[in-house]
Amino acid sequence: MNIKPLADRVVILPAPAETKTQGGIIIPDTAKEKPLQGEVVAAGNGTKDEEMVLKVGDKVLYGKYAGTELEYEGEKYLIMRQSDVLAIL
């Protein structure tokens, strides 16, 4: 990954959205919910007031509207502040 986030920001690769229900019903793209978990693929160094707790490889949960979407080399990522992450799985 050539993206290096600054300060207390992290780059997250969202987990793929569910495409089928348990009963085998296929969910169309328009009805899929945005995934709320993913993997940290890059992390900043933190700030002088807040150290970076997250590290590359952490599986995390984040808020539904957290972060900014970006596309890099054909892959979609989210970049957000460490404080927008709700939990480490």
Protein backbone atom coordinates (compact mmCIF):
# COMPACT_ATOMS: atom_id res chain seq x y z
CA MET A 1 0.00 0.00 0.00
CA ASN A 2 1.51 3.32 -1.10
CA ILE A 3 -0.98 5.46 0.84
CA LYS A 4 0.41 6.71 4.15
CA PRO A 5 -2.28 8.38 6.28
CA LEU A 6 -1.29 11.35 8.40
CA ALA A 7 -1.75 11.91 12.15
CA ASP A 8 -4.55 9.78 13.63
CA ARG A 9 -6.06 8.54 10.36
CA VAL A 10 -6.32 4.95 9.12
CA VAL A 11 -7.08 3.40 5.75
CA ILE A 12 -9.59 0.54 5.94
CA LEU A 13 -10.44 -2.11 3.35
CA PRO A 14 -14.19 -2.74 3.90
CA ALA A 15 -15.37 -6.34 4.16
CA PRO A 16 -17.44 -7.42 1.13
CA ALA A 17 -21.21 -6.93 1.45
CA GLU A 18 -23.42 -9.98 1.86
CA THR A 19 -24.78 -11.15 -1.50
CA LYS A 20 -27.14 -13.89 -0.27
CA THR A 21 -29.35 -14.40 2.76
CA GLN A 22 -29.23 -17.58 4.84
CA GLY A 23 -32.17 -18.92 2.82
CA GLY A 24 -30.28 -18.46 -0.44
CA ILE A 25 -32.15 -15.37 -1.68
CA ILE A 26 -29.87 -13.19 -3.81
CA ILE A 27 -29.74 -9.55 -2.65
CA PRO A 28 -29.62 -6.97 -5.50
CA ASP A 29 -26.91 -4.28 -5.42
CA THR A 30 -29.43 -1.55 -4.60
CA ALA A 31 -30.57 -3.33 -1.42
CA LYS A 32 -27.14 -4.28 -0.06
CA GLU A 33 -26.20 -2.59 3.17
CA LYS A 34 -22.86 -0.88 3.45
CA PRO A 35 -20.48 -3.14 5.42
CA LEU A 36 -19.61 -1.90 8.91
CA GLN A 37 -16.40 -3.82 9.37
CA GLY A 38 -13.09 -4.06 7.62
CA GLU A 39 -9.33 -4.43 7.94
CA VAL A 40 -6.81 -1.69 8.64
CA VAL A 41 -4.34 -1.62 5.72
CA ALA A 42 -2.43 1.55 6.69
CA ALA A 43 -2.19 3.71 9.80
CA GLY A 44 -0.72 7.10 10.67
CA ASN A 45 1.63 7.76 13.58
CA GLY A 46 -0.95 9.39 15.85
CA THR A 47 -0.83 12.90 17.27
CA LYS A 48 1.02 14.40 20.22
CA ASP A 49 -2.22 14.21 22.23
CA GLU A 50 -3.39 10.76 21.08
CA GLU A 51 -1.21 7.74 20.34
CA MET A 52 -2.13 5.39 17.50
CA VAL A 53 -3.77 2.29 18.97
CA LEU A 54 -4.75 0.68 15.66
CA LYS A 55 -2.20 -1.20 13.58
CA VAL A 56 -2.11 -2.77 10.14
CA GLY A 57 -4.05 -6.04 10.08
CA ASP A 58 -6.58 -5.13 12.81
CA LYS A 59 -10.18 -6.14 12.03
CA VAL A 60 -12.40 -3.24 13.10
CA LEU A 61 -16.01 -2.08 13.36
CA TYR A 62 -16.90 1.48 12.36
CA GLY A 63 -20.00 3.67 12.12
CA LYS A 64 -22.35 3.49 9.16
CA TYR A 65 -21.46 6.98 7.88
CA ALA A 66 -17.84 7.09 9.08
CA GLY A 67 -14.93 7.91 6.84
CA THR A 68 -14.38 9.10 3.32
CA GLU A 69 -14.48 6.68 0.42
CA LEU A 70 -11.54 6.59 -1.97
CA GLU A 71 -10.54 4.37 -4.86
CA TYR A 72 -6.91 3.42 -5.35
CA GLU A 73 -5.68 1.05 -8.07
CA GLY A 74 -9.20 -0.26 -8.68
CA GLU A 75 -9.88 -1.09 -5.00
CA LYS A 76 -12.28 0.86 -2.78
CA TYR A 77 -11.07 1.96 0.66
CA LEU A 78 -12.24 4.14 3.53
CA ILE A 79 -10.04 6.69 5.26
CA MET A 80 -11.12 7.85 8.70
CA ARG A 81 -9.89 9.11 12.04
CA GLN A 82 -9.00 6.57 14.68
CA SER A 83 -11.81 7.99 16.85
CA ASP A 84 -14.39 6.95 14.19
CA VAL A 85 -13.49 3.28 14.76
CA LEU A 86 -15.87 1.74 17.31
CA ALA A 87 -14.10 -1.53 18.17
CA ILE A 88 -11.33 -3.95 17.29
CA LEU A 89 -12.57 -7.49 16.58
